[in-house]
Amino acid sequence: MGERRAAAVGEIVTTYRRPVPLLWWLGTPAYVRFVIRELTCVFIAAYVVLLLILIVRIAAGSAAYEAYLQWLRSPALVGFHVVALAAAVYHTLTWLRLAPLAVVVRVRGRRVPPPAIIAGNIAAWIVISAVLGWVLLRR
């Protein structure tokens, strides 16, 4: 490390910063998973924009709503929905795997092992998703 000292009046002080390559994170698998997890948020944000547009189209009337639904049926948008679903599932699974680091659960004075917390979270996610799917898709 370099020595730090106060600069005299009028003295130019420069600090060396080692250049960092743009793709530095590709060298470590844990960093790759982290960056992919963070990038999934872009797809979630884009999906939220699509939902907001849907609300605007519903308010604009039946013709605007039908045109929007037709636009959503395009192959590019169907592909986007598939990618957004995969991103949401990846993001959810990685978040649920982090839960034991954020929450310490104790039963009868003993700490519940992390795999049990992860399994419980994933089971709850599956059950809640199934119930919501059943409620929303029944006619």
N, C-alpha and C. Protein backbone atom coordinates (compact mmCIF):
# COMPACT_ATOMS: atom_id res chain seq x y z
N MET A 1 0.85 -1.17 0.00
CA MET A 1 0.00 0.00 0.00
C MET A 1 0.89 1.23 0.00
N GLY A 2 0.42 2.25 -0.68
CA GLY A 2 1.17 3.49 -0.72
C GLY A 2 0.95 4.29 0.54
N GLU A 3 1.89 5.19 0.79
CA GLU A 3 1.80 6.04 1.98
C GLU A 3 0.80 7.15 1.71
N ARG A 4 -0.04 7.45 2.71
CA ARG A 4 -1.01 8.51 2.57
C ARG A 4 -0.53 9.71 3.37
N ARG A 5 -0.63 10.87 2.76
CA ARG A 5 -0.27 12.08 3.46
C ARG A 5 -1.11 13.22 2.92
N ALA A 6 -1.17 14.28 3.66
CA ALA A 6 -1.94 15.45 3.23
C ALA A 6 -1.19 16.12 2.08
N ALA A 7 -1.95 16.58 1.08
CA ALA A 7 -1.34 17.25 -0.07
C ALA A 7 -1.10 18.71 0.28
N ALA A 8 0.03 19.21 -0.19
CA ALA A 8 0.33 20.63 0.00
C ALA A 8 -0.52 21.45 -0.95
N VAL A 9 -0.73 22.69 -0.64
CA VAL A 9 -1.53 23.56 -1.48
C VAL A 9 -0.90 23.63 -2.87
N GLY A 10 -1.72 23.37 -3.88
CA GLY A 10 -1.24 23.43 -5.26
C GLY A 10 -0.59 22.14 -5.75
N GLU A 11 -0.39 21.17 -4.88
CA GLU A 11 0.24 19.91 -5.27
C GLU A 11 -0.80 19.00 -5.91
N ILE A 12 -0.42 18.35 -6.99
CA ILE A 12 -1.32 17.41 -7.68
C ILE A 12 -1.08 16.03 -7.11
N VAL A 13 -2.16 15.40 -6.65
CA VAL A 13 -2.05 14.07 -6.06
C VAL A 13 -2.74 13.08 -7.00
N THR A 14 -2.06 12.04 -7.35
CA THR A 14 -2.67 11.01 -8.19
C THR A 14 -2.68 9.70 -7.41
N THR A 15 -3.71 8.92 -7.66
CA THR A 15 -3.84 7.62 -7.01
C THR A 15 -3.89 6.56 -8.10
N TYR A 16 -3.11 5.54 -7.95
CA TYR A 16 -3.10 4.45 -8.93
C TYR A 16 -4.29 3.54 -8.67
N ARG A 17 -5.03 3.26 -9.70
CA ARG A 17 -6.12 2.30 -9.63
C ARG A 17 -5.85 1.22 -10.67
N ARG A 18 -5.75 0.01 -10.19
CA ARG A 18 -5.48 -1.10 -11.09
C ARG A 18 -6.67 -1.29 -12.01
N PRO A 19 -6.47 -1.40 -13.32
CA PRO A 19 -7.59 -1.58 -14.24
C PRO A 19 -8.27 -2.94 -14.01
N VAL A 20 -9.58 -2.94 -14.06
CA VAL A 20 -10.36 -4.16 -13.86
C VAL A 20 -11.03 -4.50 -15.18
N PRO A 21 -10.80 -5.69 -15.71
CA PRO A 21 -11.44 -6.05 -16.97
C PRO A 21 -12.97 -6.10 -16.82
N LEU A 22 -13.68 -5.83 -17.90
CA LEU A 22 -15.14 -5.81 -17.89
C LEU A 22 -15.72 -7.16 -17.47
N LEU A 23 -15.13 -8.23 -17.90
CA LEU A 23 -15.67 -9.56 -17.62
C LEU A 23 -14.89 -10.28 -16.51
N TRP A 24 -14.43 -9.55 -15.51
CA TRP A 24 -13.64 -10.11 -14.42
C TRP A 24 -14.38 -11.22 -13.69
N TRP A 25 -15.70 -11.15 -13.64
CA TRP A 25 -16.51 -12.09 -12.87
C TRP A 25 -16.61 -13.46 -13.53
N LEU A 26 -16.22 -13.58 -14.79
CA LEU A 26 -16.30 -14.87 -15.47
C LEU A 26 -15.29 -15.89 -14.95
N GLY A 27 -14.34 -15.44 -14.19
CA GLY A 27 -13.29 -16.34 -13.69
C GLY A 27 -13.70 -17.20 -12.51
N THR A 28 -14.80 -16.87 -11.85
CA THR A 28 -15.22 -17.61 -10.66
C THR A 28 -16.68 -18.01 -10.81
N PRO A 29 -16.98 -19.32 -10.73
CA PRO A 29 -18.37 -19.77 -10.90
C PRO A 29 -19.37 -19.12 -9.95
N ALA A 30 -18.96 -18.85 -8.72
CA ALA A 30 -19.88 -18.22 -7.77
C ALA A 30 -20.24 -16.81 -8.24
N TYR A 31 -19.28 -16.09 -8.80
CA TYR A 31 -19.56 -14.75 -9.32
C TYR A 31 -20.46 -14.81 -10.55
N VAL A 32 -20.25 -15.82 -11.38
CA VAL A 32 -21.10 -15.98 -12.57
C VAL A 32 -22.54 -16.20 -12.14
N ARG A 33 -22.77 -17.08 -11.17
CA ARG A 33 -24.14 -17.32 -10.68
C ARG A 33 -24.74 -16.05 -10.07
N PHE A 34 -23.91 -15.30 -9.35
CA PHE A 34 -24.39 -14.06 -8.74
C PHE A 34 -24.81 -13.05 -9.81
N VAL A 35 -23.98 -12.86 -10.83
CA VAL A 35 -24.30 -11.89 -11.88
C VAL A 35 -25.53 -12.33 -12.66
N ILE A 36 -25.64 -13.62 -12.95
CA ILE A 36 -26.84 -14.11 -13.65
C ILE A 36 -28.07 -13.85 -12.79
N ARG A 37 -27.97 -14.10 -11.50
CA ARG A 37 -29.10 -13.86 -10.60
C ARG A 37 -29.50 -12.39 -10.62
N GLU A 38 -28.52 -11.51 -10.61
CA GLU A 38 -28.83 -10.08 -10.63
C GLU A 38 -29.41 -9.67 -11.99
N LEU A 39 -28.96 -10.28 -13.08
CA LEU A 39 -29.49 -9.95 -14.40
C LEU A 39 -30.93 -10.43 -14.58
N THR A 40 -31.36 -11.41 -13.81
CA THR A 40 -32.74 -11.86 -13.92
C THR A 40 -33.70 -10.74 -13.56
N CYS A 41 -33.26 -9.80 -12.76
CA CYS A 41 -34.11 -8.66 -12.38
C CYS A 41 -34.50 -7.82 -13.59
N VAL A 42 -33.65 -7.79 -14.61
CA VAL A 42 -33.97 -7.02 -15.82
C VAL A 42 -35.21 -7.62 -16.49
N PHE A 43 -35.28 -8.93 -16.56
CA PHE A 43 -36.44 -9.58 -17.18
C PHE A 43 -37.70 -9.39 -16.34
N ILE A 44 -37.55 -9.42 -15.04
CA ILE A 44 -38.70 -9.19 -14.16
C ILE A 44 -39.19 -7.76 -14.33
N ALA A 45 -38.28 -6.80 -14.41
CA ALA A 45 -38.67 -5.40 -14.60
C ALA A 45 -39.38 -5.21 -15.95
N ALA A 46 -38.88 -5.86 -17.00
CA ALA A 46 -39.52 -5.76 -18.31
C ALA A 46 -40.92 -6.38 -18.27
N TYR A 47 -41.07 -7.45 -17.53
CA TYR A 47 -42.39 -8.08 -17.40
C TYR A 47 -43.36 -7.16 -16.66
N VAL A 48 -42.88 -6.46 -15.66
CA VAL A 48 -43.71 -5.51 -14.93
C VAL A 48 -44.16 -4.39 -15.88
N VAL A 49 -43.27 -3.95 -16.75
CA VAL A 49 -43.66 -2.93 -17.74
C VAL A 49 -44.78 -3.46 -18.63
N LEU A 50 -44.68 -4.72 -19.06
CA LEU A 50 -45.75 -5.31 -19.87
C LEU A 50 -47.07 -5.34 -19.11
N LEU A 51 -47.02 -5.62 -17.83
CA LEU A 51 -48.25 -5.62 -17.03
C LEU A 51 -48.83 -4.21 -16.89
N LEU A 52 -47.97 -3.22 -16.74
CA LEU A 52 -48.45 -1.84 -16.66
C LEU A 52 -49.08 -1.40 -17.98
N ILE A 53 -48.49 -1.81 -19.09
CA ILE A 53 -49.08 -1.52 -20.40
C ILE A 53 -50.44 -2.19 -20.51
N LEU A 54 -50.56 -3.40 -19.99
CA LEU A 54 -51.84 -4.11 -20.00
C LEU A 54 -52.91 -3.30 -19.28
N ILE A 55 -52.57 -2.74 -18.13
CA ILE A 55 -53.53 -1.95 -17.37
C ILE A 55 -53.96 -0.72 -18.18
N VAL A 56 -53.01 -0.07 -18.84
CA VAL A 56 -53.33 1.10 -19.66
C VAL A 56 -54.25 0.69 -20.81
N ARG A 57 -53.97 -0.44 -21.44
CA ARG A 57 -54.79 -0.91 -22.57
C ARG A 57 -56.19 -1.29 -22.12
N ILE A 58 -56.32 -1.88 -20.95
CA ILE A 58 -57.65 -2.21 -20.43
C ILE A 58 -58.45 -0.93 -20.22
N ALA A 59 -57.79 0.10 -19.68
CA ALA A 59 -58.47 1.37 -19.44
C ALA A 59 -58.83 2.06 -20.75
N ALA A 60 -58.09 1.78 -21.82
CA ALA A 60 -58.34 2.43 -23.11
C ALA A 60 -59.53 1.83 -23.85
N GLY A 61 -59.98 0.68 -23.42
CA GLY A 61 -61.15 0.10 -24.06
C GLY A 61 -60.89 -1.28 -24.64
N SER A 62 -61.96 -1.86 -25.10
CA SER A 62 -61.94 -3.24 -25.57
C SER A 62 -61.07 -3.43 -26.81
N ALA A 63 -61.11 -2.49 -27.75
CA ALA A 63 -60.31 -2.62 -28.98
C ALA A 63 -58.81 -2.57 -28.65
N ALA A 64 -58.41 -1.65 -27.78
CA ALA A 64 -57.00 -1.54 -27.40
C ALA A 64 -56.54 -2.79 -26.66
N TYR A 65 -57.41 -3.33 -25.81
CA TYR A 65 -57.10 -4.55 -25.07
C TYR A 65 -56.91 -5.73 -26.02
N GLU A 66 -57.81 -5.88 -26.98
CA GLU A 66 -57.70 -6.99 -27.95
C GLU A 66 -56.45 -6.86 -28.81
N ALA A 67 -56.11 -5.63 -29.21
CA ALA A 67 -54.89 -5.41 -30.00
C ALA A 67 -53.65 -5.78 -29.17
N TYR A 68 -53.68 -5.45 -27.90
CA TYR A 68 -52.56 -5.78 -27.02
C TYR A 68 -52.42 -7.31 -26.88
N LEU A 69 -53.56 -7.97 -26.69
CA LEU A 69 -53.51 -9.44 -26.59
C LEU A 69 -52.97 -10.06 -27.87
N GLN A 70 -53.35 -9.51 -29.01
CA GLN A 70 -52.84 -10.02 -30.29
C GLN A 70 -51.33 -9.80 -30.37
N TRP A 71 -50.86 -8.65 -29.91
CA TRP A 71 -49.43 -8.35 -29.91
C TRP A 71 -48.68 -9.32 -29.00
N LEU A 72 -49.27 -9.65 -27.86
CA LEU A 72 -48.64 -10.59 -26.94
C LEU A 72 -48.49 -11.99 -27.52
N ARG A 73 -49.30 -12.32 -28.52
CA ARG A 73 -49.23 -13.64 -29.15
C ARG A 73 -48.11 -13.77 -30.18
N SER A 74 -47.40 -12.69 -30.44
CA SER A 74 -46.31 -12.75 -31.42
C SER A 74 -45.21 -13.67 -30.89
N PRO A 75 -44.49 -14.34 -31.80
CA PRO A 75 -43.44 -15.28 -31.37
C PRO A 75 -42.37 -14.62 -30.48
N ALA A 76 -42.03 -13.39 -30.76
CA ALA A 76 -41.00 -12.71 -29.95
C ALA A 76 -41.48 -12.54 -28.51
N LEU A 77 -42.75 -12.16 -28.34
CA LEU A 77 -43.26 -11.95 -26.98
C LEU A 77 -43.48 -13.28 -26.26
N VAL A 78 -43.87 -14.31 -26.99
CA VAL A 78 -44.00 -15.62 -26.36
C VAL A 78 -42.62 -16.09 -25.89
N GLY A 79 -41.60 -15.88 -26.73
CA GLY A 79 -40.23 -16.21 -26.34
C GLY A 79 -39.78 -15.41 -25.13
N PHE A 80 -40.12 -14.12 -25.11
CA PHE A 80 -39.77 -13.29 -23.95
C PHE A 80 -40.41 -13.84 -22.69
N HIS A 81 -41.69 -14.26 -22.77
CA HIS A 81 -42.37 -14.80 -21.59
C HIS A 81 -41.70 -16.08 -21.10
N VAL A 82 -41.22 -16.89 -22.01
CA VAL A 82 -40.52 -18.12 -21.61
C VAL A 82 -39.22 -17.76 -20.89
N VAL A 83 -38.47 -16.80 -21.45
CA VAL A 83 -37.21 -16.38 -20.82
C VAL A 83 -37.49 -15.72 -19.47
N ALA A 84 -38.54 -14.89 -19.40
CA ALA A 84 -38.88 -14.23 -18.14
C ALA A 84 -39.30 -15.25 -17.08
N LEU A 85 -40.02 -16.28 -17.49
CA LEU A 85 -40.40 -17.34 -16.55
C LEU A 85 -39.16 -18.06 -16.03
N ALA A 86 -38.25 -18.40 -16.94
CA ALA A 86 -37.01 -19.07 -16.52
C ALA A 86 -36.21 -18.16 -15.57
N ALA A 87 -36.16 -16.87 -15.87
CA ALA A 87 -35.44 -15.93 -15.00
C ALA A 87 -36.10 -15.86 -13.63
N ALA A 88 -37.43 -15.83 -13.60
CA ALA A 88 -38.14 -15.75 -12.32
C ALA A 88 -37.92 -17.02 -11.49
N VAL A 89 -37.94 -18.17 -12.15
CA VAL A 89 -37.72 -19.43 -11.43
C VAL A 89 -36.28 -19.48 -10.89
N TYR A 90 -35.31 -19.10 -11.72
CA TYR A 90 -33.92 -19.10 -11.27
C TYR A 90 -33.74 -18.15 -10.10
N HIS A 91 -34.29 -16.95 -10.21
CA HIS A 91 -34.17 -15.95 -9.16
C HIS A 91 -34.81 -16.46 -7.86
N THR A 92 -35.98 -17.06 -7.99
CA THR A 92 -36.68 -17.58 -6.81
C THR A 92 -35.89 -18.69 -6.14
N LEU A 93 -35.43 -19.64 -6.93
CA LEU A 93 -34.68 -20.77 -6.35
C LEU A 93 -33.40 -20.31 -5.67
N THR A 94 -32.69 -19.38 -6.29
CA THR A 94 -31.45 -18.91 -5.67
C THR A 94 -31.75 -18.11 -4.41
N TRP A 95 -32.85 -17.36 -4.42
CA TRP A 95 -33.22 -16.60 -3.22
C TRP A 95 -33.60 -17.56 -2.09
N LEU A 96 -34.37 -18.59 -2.41
CA LEU A 96 -34.78 -19.54 -1.37
C LEU A 96 -33.58 -20.30 -0.81
N ARG A 97 -32.55 -20.51 -1.63
CA ARG A 97 -31.34 -21.17 -1.14
C ARG A 97 -30.55 -20.26 -0.20
N LEU A 98 -30.76 -18.94 -0.29
CA LEU A 98 -30.08 -18.00 0.59
C LEU A 98 -30.80 -17.80 1.92
N ALA A 99 -32.03 -18.29 2.01
CA ALA A 99 -32.85 -18.05 3.20
C ALA A 99 -32.16 -18.47 4.51
N PRO A 100 -31.47 -19.60 4.58
CA PRO A 100 -30.83 -19.97 5.85
C PRO A 100 -29.77 -18.97 6.32
N LEU A 101 -29.25 -18.17 5.40
CA LEU A 101 -28.29 -17.14 5.81
C LEU A 101 -28.99 -15.93 6.42
N ALA A 102 -30.26 -15.73 6.04
CA ALA A 102 -31.00 -14.56 6.52
C ALA A 102 -31.85 -14.86 7.74
N VAL A 103 -32.25 -16.11 7.89
CA VAL A 103 -33.17 -16.47 8.98
C VAL A 103 -32.59 -17.66 9.75
N VAL A 104 -32.50 -17.51 11.05
CA VAL A 104 -32.09 -18.62 11.89
C VAL A 104 -33.35 -19.14 12.59
N VAL A 105 -33.70 -20.39 12.29
CA VAL A 105 -34.90 -20.99 12.88
C VAL A 105 -34.46 -21.96 13.97
N ARG A 106 -35.07 -21.83 15.11
CA ARG A 106 -34.75 -22.72 16.23
C ARG A 106 -36.02 -23.46 16.64
N VAL A 107 -35.88 -24.75 16.84
CA VAL A 107 -36.98 -25.58 17.33
C VAL A 107 -36.46 -26.31 18.56
N ARG A 108 -37.13 -26.11 19.69
CA ARG A 108 -36.73 -26.71 20.97
C ARG A 108 -35.28 -26.39 21.30
N GLY A 109 -34.88 -25.16 21.02
CA GLY A 109 -33.54 -24.72 21.37
C GLY A 109 -32.45 -25.14 20.41
N ARG A 110 -32.78 -25.92 19.39
CA ARG A 110 -31.77 -26.36 18.42
C ARG A 110 -32.01 -25.68 17.09
N ARG A 111 -30.93 -25.35 16.42
CA ARG A 111 -31.02 -24.69 15.12
C ARG A 111 -31.46 -25.69 14.05
N VAL A 112 -32.44 -25.27 13.25
CA VAL A 112 -32.90 -26.12 12.14
C VAL A 112 -31.81 -26.08 11.06
N PRO A 113 -31.42 -27.25 10.53
CA PRO A 113 -30.36 -27.28 9.52
C PRO A 113 -30.78 -26.54 8.24
N PRO A 114 -29.84 -25.88 7.58
CA PRO A 114 -30.15 -25.13 6.36
C PRO A 114 -30.88 -25.93 5.29
N PRO A 115 -30.51 -27.20 5.02
CA PRO A 115 -31.26 -27.93 3.99
C PRO A 115 -32.76 -28.07 4.32
N ALA A 116 -33.10 -28.18 5.60
CA ALA A 116 -34.50 -28.28 5.99
C ALA A 116 -35.23 -26.97 5.73
N ILE A 117 -34.57 -25.85 5.97
CA ILE A 117 -35.18 -24.54 5.70
C ILE A 117 -35.38 -24.37 4.20
N ILE A 118 -34.39 -24.74 3.42
CA ILE A 118 -34.49 -24.63 1.96
C ILE A 118 -35.62 -25.51 1.45
N ALA A 119 -35.68 -26.75 1.90
CA ALA A 119 -36.73 -27.67 1.45
C ALA A 119 -38.11 -27.15 1.85
N GLY A 120 -38.23 -26.61 3.05
CA GLY A 120 -39.52 -26.05 3.48
C GLY A 120 -39.94 -24.87 2.63
N ASN A 121 -38.98 -24.01 2.30
CA ASN A 121 -39.29 -22.86 1.45
C ASN A 121 -39.73 -23.29 0.06
N ILE A 122 -39.01 -24.24 -0.51
CA ILE A 122 -39.35 -24.70 -1.86
C ILE A 122 -40.70 -25.41 -1.85
N ALA A 123 -40.97 -26.22 -0.82
CA ALA A 123 -42.27 -26.89 -0.72
C ALA A 123 -43.40 -25.87 -0.60
N ALA A 124 -43.20 -24.84 0.22
CA ALA A 124 -44.22 -23.79 0.37
C ALA A 124 -44.43 -23.07 -0.95
N TRP A 125 -43.36 -22.79 -1.67
CA TRP A 125 -43.45 -22.11 -2.97
C TRP A 125 -44.27 -22.95 -3.96
N ILE A 126 -44.00 -24.26 -3.99
CA ILE A 126 -44.72 -25.15 -4.91
C ILE A 126 -46.20 -25.21 -4.53
N VAL A 127 -46.50 -25.35 -3.25
CA VAL A 127 -47.91 -25.44 -2.82
C VAL A 127 -48.65 -24.14 -3.13
N ILE A 128 -48.04 -23.01 -2.79
CA ILE A 128 -48.69 -21.72 -3.05
C ILE A 128 -48.88 -21.50 -4.55
N SER A 129 -47.89 -21.86 -5.35
CA SER A 129 -48.02 -21.72 -6.80
C SER A 129 -49.13 -22.62 -7.34
N ALA A 130 -49.21 -23.83 -6.83
CA ALA A 130 -50.26 -24.76 -7.29
C ALA A 130 -51.65 -24.23 -6.93
N VAL A 131 -51.80 -23.73 -5.71
CA VAL A 131 -53.10 -23.19 -5.30
C VAL A 131 -53.47 -21.98 -6.14
N LEU A 132 -52.52 -21.06 -6.35
CA LEU A 132 -52.79 -19.90 -7.18
C LEU A 132 -53.12 -20.30 -8.62
N GLY A 133 -52.37 -21.26 -9.15
CA GLY A 133 -52.65 -21.75 -10.51
C GLY A 133 -54.04 -22.35 -10.60
N TRP A 134 -54.42 -23.13 -9.61
CA TRP A 134 -55.74 -23.74 -9.60
C TRP A 134 -56.84 -22.67 -9.55
N VAL A 135 -56.67 -21.68 -8.69
CA VAL A 135 -57.66 -20.62 -8.55
C VAL A 135 -57.75 -19.79 -9.83
N LEU A 136 -56.64 -19.45 -10.42
CA LEU A 136 -56.65 -18.58 -11.58
C LEU A 136 -57.04 -19.28 -12.88
N LEU A 137 -56.77 -20.57 -12.97
CA LEU A 137 -57.01 -21.28 -14.25
C LEU A 137 -58.33 -22.04 -14.29
N ARG A 138 -59.02 -22.16 -13.19
CA ARG A 138 -60.30 -22.86 -13.24
C ARG A 138 -61.33 -21.93 -13.88
N ARG A 139 -62.26 -22.53 -14.57
CA ARG A 139 -63.27 -21.70 -15.27
C ARG A 139 -64.63 -22.08 -14.84
